[in-house]
Amino acid sequence: MANCTDRTPPSSGVRSFFKKTLFFIILILLLAGVSFSWYATRLILVLKPSDGAAPVVFSVNEGDEWVYHYKHSVQQTPCYEYFRINGPHNMTMTHTIYESYGVGLPYSLTDGAFKPLKKEGKFEMIMNRPYEKIAFRAASEARPSVTYGNRTIDLVNQFGQGTRVDVLSMKRYTFWFMES
């Protein structure tokens, strides 16, 4: 019996197990807190209808681009407006592509750099217009849609005829506070 040690509670049993368990609980809570704060501070693009219906939310990154597509009310031709997400409440219209000149379409050099796309028979206007938020009206005549990545949202089907839809970029936690 060369190795006889006292097995009293201070040297073994519950207390030593409790120290390890407490360490793992604190570690798990710390990792959960870091993961939650990372998730909460991610950038999102929100399509928020004015009638209080459920918004559509895309997880995005700075520098990502989304497209607003509609049929022009006068020219009756498709238009594509491209927006870059720069950060919370910060988007830039980078360019627009359309098929004809006319009322409501950019035509002047003060609007940006004009570039005809002869191959496609379209025109492109390179722009740099900043926006904090963008408001669209869902109208069945224009068939407006928003595309981000491989997902396209038809605004009329999603929110209904005549609904105003605000498009905003924000941090996810801001959206949570806005919704509560």
N, C-alpha and C. Protein backbone atom coordinates (compact mmCIF):
# COMPACT_ATOMS: atom_id res chain seq x y z
N MET A 1 0.81 -1.18 0.00
CA MET A 1 0.00 0.00 0.00
C MET A 1 0.86 1.25 0.00
N ALA A 2 1.61 1.42 -1.01
CA ALA A 2 2.50 2.56 -1.10
C ALA A 2 1.75 3.83 -1.47
N ASN A 3 0.64 3.72 -2.21
CA ASN A 3 -0.08 4.90 -2.67
C ASN A 3 -1.43 5.02 -1.96
N CYS A 4 -1.41 5.35 -0.72
CA CYS A 4 -2.64 5.53 0.04
C CYS A 4 -2.91 7.02 0.19
N THR A 5 -3.95 7.50 -0.46
CA THR A 5 -4.32 8.91 -0.31
C THR A 5 -5.72 8.99 0.26
N ASP A 6 -5.94 10.07 0.94
CA ASP A 6 -7.25 10.29 1.52
C ASP A 6 -8.23 10.68 0.42
N ARG A 7 -9.37 10.09 0.39
CA ARG A 7 -10.37 10.37 -0.65
C ARG A 7 -11.48 11.25 -0.09
N THR A 8 -11.08 12.27 0.61
CA THR A 8 -12.08 13.18 1.18
C THR A 8 -12.58 14.11 0.08
N PRO A 9 -13.73 14.71 0.24
CA PRO A 9 -14.31 15.57 -0.80
C PRO A 9 -13.39 16.68 -1.31
N PRO A 10 -12.53 17.30 -0.50
CA PRO A 10 -11.67 18.34 -1.10
C PRO A 10 -10.70 17.80 -2.16
N SER A 11 -10.32 16.55 -2.13
CA SER A 11 -9.33 16.05 -3.07
C SER A 11 -9.95 15.28 -4.24
N SER A 12 -11.20 14.89 -4.15
CA SER A 12 -11.83 14.16 -5.26
C SER A 12 -13.34 14.31 -5.17
N GLY A 13 -14.02 13.82 -6.18
CA GLY A 13 -15.47 13.80 -6.14
C GLY A 13 -16.08 15.02 -6.82
N VAL A 14 -17.13 15.54 -6.22
CA VAL A 14 -17.98 16.54 -6.84
C VAL A 14 -17.22 17.83 -7.14
N ARG A 15 -16.38 18.30 -6.29
CA ARG A 15 -15.75 19.61 -6.48
C ARG A 15 -14.85 19.64 -7.71
N SER A 16 -14.04 18.66 -7.93
CA SER A 16 -13.16 18.68 -9.11
C SER A 16 -14.00 18.54 -10.39
N PHE A 17 -15.08 17.76 -10.35
CA PHE A 17 -15.96 17.64 -11.51
C PHE A 17 -16.68 18.97 -11.78
N PHE A 18 -17.08 19.67 -10.71
CA PHE A 18 -17.78 20.94 -10.86
C PHE A 18 -16.89 21.99 -11.53
N LYS A 19 -15.61 22.02 -11.22
CA LYS A 19 -14.69 22.99 -11.82
C LYS A 19 -14.60 22.78 -13.33
N LYS A 20 -14.50 21.55 -13.77
CA LYS A 20 -14.42 21.25 -15.21
C LYS A 20 -15.75 21.58 -15.90
N THR A 21 -16.84 21.23 -15.28
CA THR A 21 -18.16 21.50 -15.86
C THR A 21 -18.39 23.00 -15.96
N LEU A 22 -18.05 23.74 -14.92
CA LEU A 22 -18.21 25.18 -14.94
C LEU A 22 -17.37 25.80 -16.06
N PHE A 23 -16.16 25.32 -16.24
CA PHE A 23 -15.29 25.82 -17.32
C PHE A 23 -15.96 25.59 -18.69
N PHE A 24 -16.51 24.39 -18.92
CA PHE A 24 -17.14 24.08 -20.21
C PHE A 24 -18.43 24.88 -20.41
N ILE A 25 -19.19 25.09 -19.36
CA ILE A 25 -20.41 25.90 -19.47
C ILE A 25 -20.04 27.33 -19.85
N ILE A 26 -19.05 27.90 -19.18
CA ILE A 26 -18.63 29.27 -19.49
C ILE A 26 -18.08 29.34 -20.92
N LEU A 27 -17.33 28.34 -21.34
CA LEU A 27 -16.79 28.31 -22.70
C LEU A 27 -17.92 28.24 -23.73
N ILE A 28 -18.90 27.40 -23.50
CA ILE A 28 -20.03 27.28 -24.43
C ILE A 28 -20.83 28.58 -24.48
N LEU A 29 -21.08 29.20 -23.33
CA LEU A 29 -21.80 30.48 -23.30
C LEU A 29 -21.01 31.57 -24.02
N LEU A 30 -19.71 31.58 -23.85
CA LEU A 30 -18.86 32.57 -24.53
C LEU A 30 -18.90 32.36 -26.05
N LEU A 31 -18.79 31.12 -26.51
CA LEU A 31 -18.87 30.83 -27.94
C LEU A 31 -20.25 31.18 -28.50
N ALA A 32 -21.31 30.89 -27.74
CA ALA A 32 -22.67 31.24 -28.19
C ALA A 32 -22.82 32.75 -28.29
N GLY A 33 -22.27 33.50 -27.34
CA GLY A 33 -22.34 34.96 -27.37
C GLY A 33 -21.59 35.55 -28.56
N VAL A 34 -20.40 35.01 -28.84
CA VAL A 34 -19.62 35.49 -29.99
C VAL A 34 -20.36 35.16 -31.29
N SER A 35 -20.90 33.96 -31.40
CA SER A 35 -21.65 33.58 -32.60
C SER A 35 -22.89 34.44 -32.78
N PHE A 36 -23.60 34.70 -31.70
CA PHE A 36 -24.80 35.54 -31.78
C PHE A 36 -24.46 36.96 -32.20
N SER A 37 -23.41 37.53 -31.63
CA SER A 37 -23.06 38.91 -32.00
C SER A 37 -22.56 38.98 -33.44
N TRP A 38 -21.87 37.95 -33.92
CA TRP A 38 -21.47 37.92 -35.33
C TRP A 38 -22.71 37.89 -36.23
N TYR A 39 -23.67 37.03 -35.90
CA TYR A 39 -24.89 36.90 -36.69
C TYR A 39 -25.70 38.20 -36.65
N ALA A 40 -25.79 38.82 -35.49
CA ALA A 40 -26.60 40.04 -35.32
C ALA A 40 -26.02 41.22 -36.08
N THR A 41 -24.72 41.22 -36.30
CA THR A 41 -24.09 42.37 -36.97
C THR A 41 -23.88 42.14 -38.46
N ARG A 42 -24.44 41.07 -39.01
CA ARG A 42 -24.36 40.82 -40.45
C ARG A 42 -25.24 41.81 -41.19
N LEU A 43 -24.83 42.14 -42.40
CA LEU A 43 -25.56 43.08 -43.25
C LEU A 43 -26.70 42.34 -43.96
N ILE A 44 -27.86 42.99 -44.03
CA ILE A 44 -29.01 42.41 -44.73
C ILE A 44 -29.63 43.45 -45.66
N LEU A 45 -30.33 42.96 -46.68
CA LEU A 45 -31.12 43.80 -47.58
C LEU A 45 -32.57 43.46 -47.29
N VAL A 46 -33.38 44.49 -46.97
CA VAL A 46 -34.77 44.29 -46.56
C VAL A 46 -35.70 44.91 -47.58
N LEU A 47 -36.68 44.14 -48.05
CA LEU A 47 -37.78 44.65 -48.85
C LEU A 47 -38.96 44.77 -47.90
N LYS A 48 -39.25 46.01 -47.47
CA LYS A 48 -40.24 46.24 -46.42
C LYS A 48 -41.48 46.89 -47.00
N PRO A 49 -42.61 46.16 -47.02
CA PRO A 49 -43.85 46.73 -47.55
C PRO A 49 -44.47 47.73 -46.57
N SER A 50 -45.14 48.74 -47.11
CA SER A 50 -45.75 49.78 -46.28
C SER A 50 -47.01 49.30 -45.56
N ASP A 51 -47.59 48.21 -46.01
CA ASP A 51 -48.85 47.75 -45.41
C ASP A 51 -48.66 46.86 -44.19
N GLY A 52 -47.43 46.67 -43.75
CA GLY A 52 -47.17 45.87 -42.56
C GLY A 52 -47.06 44.38 -42.81
N ALA A 53 -47.13 43.93 -44.07
CA ALA A 53 -46.95 42.51 -44.38
C ALA A 53 -45.50 42.10 -44.05
N ALA A 54 -45.28 40.81 -44.04
CA ALA A 54 -43.95 40.30 -43.72
C ALA A 54 -42.93 40.77 -44.76
N PRO A 55 -41.79 41.31 -44.30
CA PRO A 55 -40.77 41.75 -45.25
C PRO A 55 -39.98 40.56 -45.81
N VAL A 56 -39.28 40.81 -46.90
CA VAL A 56 -38.36 39.82 -47.47
C VAL A 56 -36.95 40.27 -47.10
N VAL A 57 -36.14 39.33 -46.62
CA VAL A 57 -34.80 39.66 -46.14
C VAL A 57 -33.77 38.79 -46.86
N PHE A 58 -32.73 39.45 -47.37
CA PHE A 58 -31.59 38.76 -47.98
C PHE A 58 -30.36 39.01 -47.11
N SER A 59 -29.57 37.97 -46.84
CA SER A 59 -28.27 38.17 -46.20
C SER A 59 -27.29 38.59 -47.29
N VAL A 60 -26.61 39.73 -47.09
CA VAL A 60 -25.75 40.29 -48.12
C VAL A 60 -24.39 40.65 -47.53
N ASN A 61 -23.48 41.04 -48.40
CA ASN A 61 -22.16 41.52 -48.00
C ASN A 61 -21.91 42.88 -48.64
N GLU A 62 -21.05 43.66 -48.04
CA GLU A 62 -20.66 44.92 -48.67
C GLU A 62 -20.08 44.62 -50.04
N GLY A 63 -20.47 45.43 -51.03
CA GLY A 63 -19.98 45.25 -52.39
C GLY A 63 -20.89 44.40 -53.26
N ASP A 64 -21.86 43.70 -52.64
CA ASP A 64 -22.81 42.90 -53.42
C ASP A 64 -23.72 43.81 -54.23
N GLU A 65 -24.30 43.24 -55.28
CA GLU A 65 -25.16 44.01 -56.17
C GLU A 65 -26.53 43.35 -56.26
N TRP A 66 -27.57 44.17 -56.34
CA TRP A 66 -28.92 43.69 -56.57
C TRP A 66 -29.52 44.49 -57.72
N VAL A 67 -30.56 43.94 -58.34
CA VAL A 67 -31.13 44.53 -59.56
C VAL A 67 -32.62 44.76 -59.37
N TYR A 68 -33.06 45.95 -59.78
CA TYR A 68 -34.48 46.28 -59.84
C TYR A 68 -34.88 46.24 -61.30
N HIS A 69 -35.85 45.40 -61.64
CA HIS A 69 -36.30 45.24 -63.02
C HIS A 69 -37.76 45.66 -63.11
N TYR A 70 -38.10 46.41 -64.16
CA TYR A 70 -39.48 46.82 -64.37
C TYR A 70 -39.70 47.14 -65.84
N LYS A 71 -40.97 47.24 -66.22
CA LYS A 71 -41.32 47.66 -67.57
C LYS A 71 -41.68 49.14 -67.50
N HIS A 72 -41.00 49.95 -68.31
CA HIS A 72 -41.22 51.39 -68.29
C HIS A 72 -42.66 51.72 -68.69
N SER A 73 -43.29 52.64 -67.96
CA SER A 73 -44.72 52.92 -68.17
C SER A 73 -45.01 53.61 -69.50
N VAL A 74 -44.08 54.42 -70.01
CA VAL A 74 -44.32 55.13 -71.26
C VAL A 74 -43.76 54.34 -72.44
N GLN A 75 -42.50 53.94 -72.34
CA GLN A 75 -41.83 53.26 -73.44
C GLN A 75 -42.27 51.80 -73.60
N GLN A 76 -42.81 51.21 -72.53
CA GLN A 76 -43.23 49.81 -72.51
C GLN A 76 -42.07 48.86 -72.85
N THR A 77 -40.87 49.22 -72.39
CA THR A 77 -39.68 48.40 -72.59
C THR A 77 -39.07 48.05 -71.24
N PRO A 78 -38.34 46.96 -71.15
CA PRO A 78 -37.75 46.57 -69.87
C PRO A 78 -36.59 47.50 -69.48
N CYS A 79 -36.49 47.76 -68.18
CA CYS A 79 -35.41 48.56 -67.61
C CYS A 79 -34.79 47.76 -66.46
N TYR A 80 -33.50 47.87 -66.32
CA TYR A 80 -32.76 47.20 -65.25
C TYR A 80 -31.92 48.24 -64.54
N GLU A 81 -32.12 48.38 -63.23
CA GLU A 81 -31.33 49.31 -62.44
C GLU A 81 -30.50 48.51 -61.46
N TYR A 82 -29.20 48.75 -61.45
CA TYR A 82 -28.25 47.98 -60.65
C TYR A 82 -27.79 48.81 -59.45
N PHE A 83 -27.84 48.20 -58.28
CA PHE A 83 -27.47 48.87 -57.04
C PHE A 83 -26.38 48.06 -56.32
N ARG A 84 -25.38 48.78 -55.81
CA ARG A 84 -24.32 48.16 -55.01
C ARG A 84 -24.57 48.49 -53.54
N ILE A 85 -24.39 47.51 -52.67
CA ILE A 85 -24.56 47.69 -51.23
C ILE A 85 -23.21 48.08 -50.65
N ASN A 86 -23.14 49.29 -50.08
CA ASN A 86 -21.88 49.79 -49.52
C ASN A 86 -21.79 49.62 -48.01
N GLY A 87 -22.92 49.43 -47.37
CA GLY A 87 -22.97 49.31 -45.92
C GLY A 87 -24.37 49.60 -45.44
N PRO A 88 -24.55 49.74 -44.12
CA PRO A 88 -25.88 50.04 -43.60
C PRO A 88 -26.37 51.41 -44.10
N HIS A 89 -27.58 51.44 -44.62
CA HIS A 89 -28.21 52.67 -45.13
C HIS A 89 -27.33 53.37 -46.15
N ASN A 90 -26.65 52.58 -46.98
CA ASN A 90 -25.73 53.13 -47.96
C ASN A 90 -25.70 52.22 -49.19
N MET A 91 -26.42 52.65 -50.24
CA MET A 91 -26.44 51.92 -51.51
C MET A 91 -26.15 52.91 -52.63
N THR A 92 -25.63 52.40 -53.73
CA THR A 92 -25.32 53.24 -54.88
C THR A 92 -25.91 52.63 -56.13
N MET A 93 -26.66 53.44 -56.91
CA MET A 93 -27.08 52.98 -58.23
C MET A 93 -25.85 53.10 -59.13
N THR A 94 -25.37 51.97 -59.62
CA THR A 94 -24.13 51.96 -60.40
C THR A 94 -24.38 52.12 -61.89
N HIS A 95 -25.45 51.54 -62.39
CA HIS A 95 -25.79 51.69 -63.80
C HIS A 95 -27.22 51.22 -64.07
N THR A 96 -27.73 51.63 -65.21
CA THR A 96 -29.05 51.20 -65.63
C THR A 96 -28.97 50.80 -67.10
N ILE A 97 -29.73 49.77 -67.47
CA ILE A 97 -29.76 49.29 -68.85
C ILE A 97 -31.20 49.37 -69.34
N TYR A 98 -31.39 49.95 -70.51
CA TYR A 98 -32.73 50.12 -71.07
C TYR A 98 -32.66 50.07 -72.58
N GLU A 99 -33.82 49.97 -73.24
CA GLU A 99 -33.85 49.73 -74.68
C GLU A 99 -34.15 50.95 -75.52
N SER A 100 -34.69 52.03 -74.94
CA SER A 100 -35.04 53.18 -75.78
C SER A 100 -34.93 54.47 -74.99
N TYR A 101 -34.70 55.55 -75.72
CA TYR A 101 -34.73 56.88 -75.11
C TYR A 101 -36.16 57.28 -74.87
N GLY A 102 -36.37 58.14 -73.92
CA GLY A 102 -37.72 58.65 -73.75
C GLY A 102 -37.93 59.25 -72.39
N VAL A 103 -39.16 59.61 -72.14
CA VAL A 103 -39.55 60.26 -70.90
C VAL A 103 -39.18 59.37 -69.71
N GLY A 104 -38.52 59.96 -68.73
CA GLY A 104 -38.20 59.25 -67.50
C GLY A 104 -36.97 58.38 -67.56
N LEU A 105 -36.31 58.31 -68.70
CA LEU A 105 -35.09 57.50 -68.82
C LEU A 105 -33.89 58.44 -68.91
N PRO A 106 -32.75 58.06 -68.34
CA PRO A 106 -31.59 58.93 -68.40
C PRO A 106 -31.11 59.11 -69.85
N TYR A 107 -30.73 60.34 -70.18
CA TYR A 107 -30.30 60.61 -71.55
C TYR A 107 -29.16 61.62 -71.61
N SER A 108 -28.91 62.32 -70.54
CA SER A 108 -27.94 63.40 -70.54
C SER A 108 -26.63 62.95 -69.90
N LEU A 109 -25.53 63.59 -70.32
CA LEU A 109 -24.24 63.27 -69.71
C LEU A 109 -24.20 63.67 -68.24
N THR A 110 -25.08 64.57 -67.82
CA THR A 110 -25.13 64.91 -66.40
C THR A 110 -25.67 63.74 -65.57
N ASP A 111 -26.36 62.80 -66.21
CA ASP A 111 -26.87 61.61 -65.52
C ASP A 111 -25.77 60.58 -65.29
N GLY A 112 -24.73 60.62 -66.12
CA GLY A 112 -23.64 59.66 -66.02
C GLY A 112 -23.00 59.44 -67.36
N ALA A 113 -22.20 58.40 -67.45
CA ALA A 113 -21.51 58.09 -68.71
C ALA A 113 -22.40 57.18 -69.55
N PHE A 114 -22.68 57.61 -70.75
CA PHE A 114 -23.56 56.87 -71.65
C PHE A 114 -22.75 55.86 -72.46
N LYS A 115 -23.30 54.65 -72.60
CA LYS A 115 -22.59 53.60 -73.33
C LYS A 115 -23.62 52.76 -74.10
N PRO A 116 -23.65 52.88 -75.43
CA PRO A 116 -24.58 52.03 -76.19
C PRO A 116 -24.08 50.58 -76.22
N LEU A 117 -24.98 49.65 -76.01
CA LEU A 117 -24.66 48.23 -76.09
C LEU A 117 -25.19 47.74 -77.44
N LYS A 118 -24.41 47.99 -78.48
CA LYS A 118 -24.87 47.73 -79.85
C LYS A 118 -25.24 46.27 -80.07
N LYS A 119 -24.47 45.38 -79.47
CA LYS A 119 -24.71 43.96 -79.67
C LYS A 119 -26.10 43.54 -79.20
N GLU A 120 -26.52 44.07 -78.02
CA GLU A 120 -27.84 43.72 -77.47
C GLU A 120 -28.92 44.69 -77.90
N GLY A 121 -28.54 45.79 -78.57
CA GLY A 121 -29.53 46.79 -78.97
C GLY A 121 -30.09 47.57 -77.79
N LYS A 122 -29.28 47.76 -76.75
CA LYS A 122 -29.71 48.47 -75.55
C LYS A 122 -28.76 49.61 -75.25
N PHE A 123 -29.13 50.41 -74.27
CA PHE A 123 -28.30 51.50 -73.81
C PHE A 123 -27.94 51.26 -72.34
N GLU A 124 -26.76 51.72 -71.95
CA GLU A 124 -26.35 51.62 -70.56
C GLU A 124 -25.86 52.98 -70.11
N MET A 125 -26.33 53.39 -68.93
CA MET A 125 -25.89 54.63 -68.33
C MET A 125 -25.14 54.27 -67.05
N ILE A 126 -23.85 54.58 -67.03
CA ILE A 126 -23.02 54.34 -65.85
C ILE A 126 -23.24 55.51 -64.89
N MET A 127 -23.58 55.21 -63.66
CA MET A 127 -23.94 56.25 -62.68
C MET A 127 -23.21 56.02 -61.37
N ASN A 128 -23.40 56.97 -60.49
CA ASN A 128 -22.88 56.87 -59.13
C ASN A 128 -23.83 57.63 -58.22
N ARG A 129 -25.07 57.15 -58.10
CA ARG A 129 -26.10 57.84 -57.32
C ARG A 129 -26.27 57.16 -55.96
N PRO A 130 -25.97 57.89 -54.89
CA PRO A 130 -26.10 57.29 -53.55
C PRO A 130 -27.54 57.33 -53.04
N TYR A 131 -27.90 56.31 -52.27
CA TYR A 131 -29.23 56.22 -51.66
C TYR A 131 -29.09 55.65 -50.25
N GLU A 132 -29.90 56.17 -49.32
CA GLU A 132 -30.01 55.57 -47.99
C GLU A 132 -31.07 54.47 -48.02
N LYS A 133 -32.17 54.76 -48.71
CA LYS A 133 -33.22 53.76 -48.93
C LYS A 133 -33.87 54.08 -50.27
N ILE A 134 -34.53 53.09 -50.82
CA ILE A 134 -35.17 53.25 -52.13
C ILE A 134 -36.62 52.78 -51.98
N ALA A 135 -37.55 53.56 -52.52
CA ALA A 135 -38.97 53.20 -52.44
C ALA A 135 -39.50 52.91 -53.84
N PHE A 136 -40.20 51.79 -53.97
CA PHE A 136 -40.84 51.40 -55.21
C PHE A 136 -42.32 51.18 -54.94
N ARG A 137 -43.11 51.26 -55.99
CA ARG A 137 -44.53 50.97 -55.89
C ARG A 137 -44.79 49.72 -56.73
N ALA A 138 -45.40 48.71 -56.13
CA ALA A 138 -45.73 47.48 -56.85
C ALA A 138 -46.93 47.73 -57.75
N ALA A 139 -46.74 47.63 -59.05
CA ALA A 139 -47.83 47.87 -60.01
C ALA A 139 -47.83 46.76 -61.06
N SER A 140 -48.99 46.19 -61.30
CA SER A 140 -49.06 45.05 -62.22
C SER A 140 -48.66 45.42 -63.65
N GLU A 141 -48.83 46.68 -64.04
CA GLU A 141 -48.44 47.09 -65.40
C GLU A 141 -46.92 47.03 -65.58
N ALA A 142 -46.19 47.42 -64.54
CA ALA A 142 -44.72 47.47 -64.63
C ALA A 142 -44.06 46.13 -64.29
N ARG A 143 -44.78 45.27 -63.58
CA ARG A 143 -44.24 43.98 -63.14
C ARG A 143 -42.86 44.13 -62.51
N PRO A 144 -42.72 44.96 -61.48
CA PRO A 144 -41.41 45.17 -60.88
C PRO A 144 -40.94 43.95 -60.11
N SER A 145 -39.63 43.75 -60.13
CA SER A 145 -39.04 42.66 -59.37
C SER A 145 -37.67 43.09 -58.86
N VAL A 146 -37.24 42.43 -57.80
CA VAL A 146 -35.91 42.64 -57.23
C VAL A 146 -35.19 41.32 -57.28
N THR A 147 -33.97 41.34 -57.81
CA THR A 147 -33.16 40.12 -57.90
C THR A 147 -31.88 40.32 -57.11
N TYR A 148 -31.62 39.35 -56.23
CA TYR A 148 -30.33 39.31 -55.53
C TYR A 148 -29.83 37.87 -55.65
N GLY A 149 -28.64 37.71 -56.17
CA GLY A 149 -28.10 36.37 -56.40
C GLY A 149 -28.99 35.62 -57.37
N ASN A 150 -29.41 34.43 -57.00
CA ASN A 150 -30.28 33.65 -57.89
C ASN A 150 -31.75 33.69 -57.45
N ARG A 151 -32.09 34.63 -56.59
CA ARG A 151 -33.46 34.74 -56.06
C ARG A 151 -34.12 36.02 -56.58
N THR A 152 -35.27 35.88 -57.22
CA THR A 152 -36.02 37.02 -57.74
C THR A 152 -37.36 37.10 -57.02
N ILE A 153 -37.69 38.30 -56.55
CA ILE A 153 -38.95 38.56 -55.87
C ILE A 153 -39.81 39.45 -56.76
N ASP A 154 -40.95 38.94 -57.21
CA ASP A 154 -41.93 39.74 -57.96
C ASP A 154 -42.69 40.55 -56.92
N LEU A 155 -42.56 41.88 -56.97
CA LEU A 155 -43.14 42.72 -55.92
C LEU A 155 -44.66 42.68 -55.88
N VAL A 156 -45.31 42.54 -57.03
CA VAL A 156 -46.78 42.48 -57.05
C VAL A 156 -47.25 41.16 -56.44
N ASN A 157 -46.66 40.05 -56.84
CA ASN A 157 -47.06 38.75 -56.28
C ASN A 157 -46.76 38.67 -54.79
N GLN A 158 -45.64 39.25 -54.38
CA GLN A 158 -45.22 39.16 -52.98
C GLN A 158 -46.01 40.09 -52.07
N PHE A 159 -46.25 41.34 -52.51
CA PHE A 159 -46.82 42.35 -51.61
C PHE A 159 -48.18 42.89 -52.05
N GLY A 160 -48.57 42.66 -53.29
CA GLY A 160 -49.88 43.12 -53.75
C GLY A 160 -49.82 44.42 -54.54
N GLN A 161 -50.81 44.58 -55.40
CA GLN A 161 -50.93 45.75 -56.28
C GLN A 161 -50.97 47.04 -55.47
N GLY A 162 -50.14 48.01 -55.84
CA GLY A 162 -50.17 49.34 -55.25
C GLY A 162 -49.40 49.51 -53.96
N THR A 163 -48.82 48.45 -53.43
CA THR A 163 -48.10 48.54 -52.17
C THR A 163 -46.75 49.23 -52.38
N ARG A 164 -46.44 50.18 -51.51
CA ARG A 164 -45.11 50.79 -51.54
C ARG A 164 -44.14 49.85 -50.83
N VAL A 165 -42.98 49.64 -51.45
CA VAL A 165 -41.97 48.75 -50.90
C VAL A 165 -40.69 49.56 -50.73
N ASP A 166 -40.21 49.64 -49.49
CA ASP A 166 -38.94 50.31 -49.21
C ASP A 166 -37.83 49.26 -49.22
N VAL A 167 -36.73 49.58 -49.87
CA VAL A 167 -35.57 48.70 -49.91
C VAL A 167 -34.48 49.36 -49.08
N LEU A 168 -34.01 48.64 -48.06
CA LEU A 168 -33.01 49.19 -47.14
C LEU A 168 -31.90 48.18 -46.91
N SER A 169 -30.70 48.68 -46.71
CA SER A 169 -29.60 47.82 -46.24
C SER A 169 -29.33 48.21 -44.80
N MET A 170 -29.18 47.21 -43.94
CA MET A 170 -28.98 47.48 -42.51
C MET A 170 -28.35 46.27 -41.83
N LYS A 171 -27.92 46.48 -40.61
CA LYS A 171 -27.44 45.36 -39.79
C LYS A 171 -28.66 44.58 -39.28
N ARG A 172 -28.49 43.31 -39.10
CA ARG A 172 -29.60 42.45 -38.70
C ARG A 172 -30.21 42.88 -37.36
N TYR A 173 -29.40 43.30 -36.38
CA TYR A 173 -29.95 43.69 -35.10
C TYR A 173 -30.82 44.94 -35.23
N THR A 174 -30.51 45.83 -36.17
CA THR A 174 -31.35 47.00 -36.42
C THR A 174 -32.72 46.57 -36.91
N PHE A 175 -32.73 45.58 -37.76
CA PHE A 175 -34.00 45.03 -38.28
C PHE A 175 -34.82 44.43 -37.14
N TRP A 176 -34.16 43.71 -36.22
CA TRP A 176 -34.89 43.13 -35.09
C TRP A 176 -35.56 44.22 -34.26
N PHE A 177 -34.85 45.31 -34.00
CA PHE A 177 -35.43 46.40 -33.21
C PHE A 177 -36.55 47.10 -33.97
N MET A 178 -36.40 47.21 -35.29
CA MET A 178 -37.40 47.85 -36.12
C MET A 178 -38.69 47.02 -36.12
N GLU A 179 -38.58 45.70 -36.09
CA GLU A 179 -39.73 44.81 -36.17
C GLU A 179 -40.43 44.63 -34.83
N SER A 180 -39.75 44.92 -33.73
CA SER A 180 -40.39 44.69 -32.42
C SER A 180 -41.16 45.88 -31.92
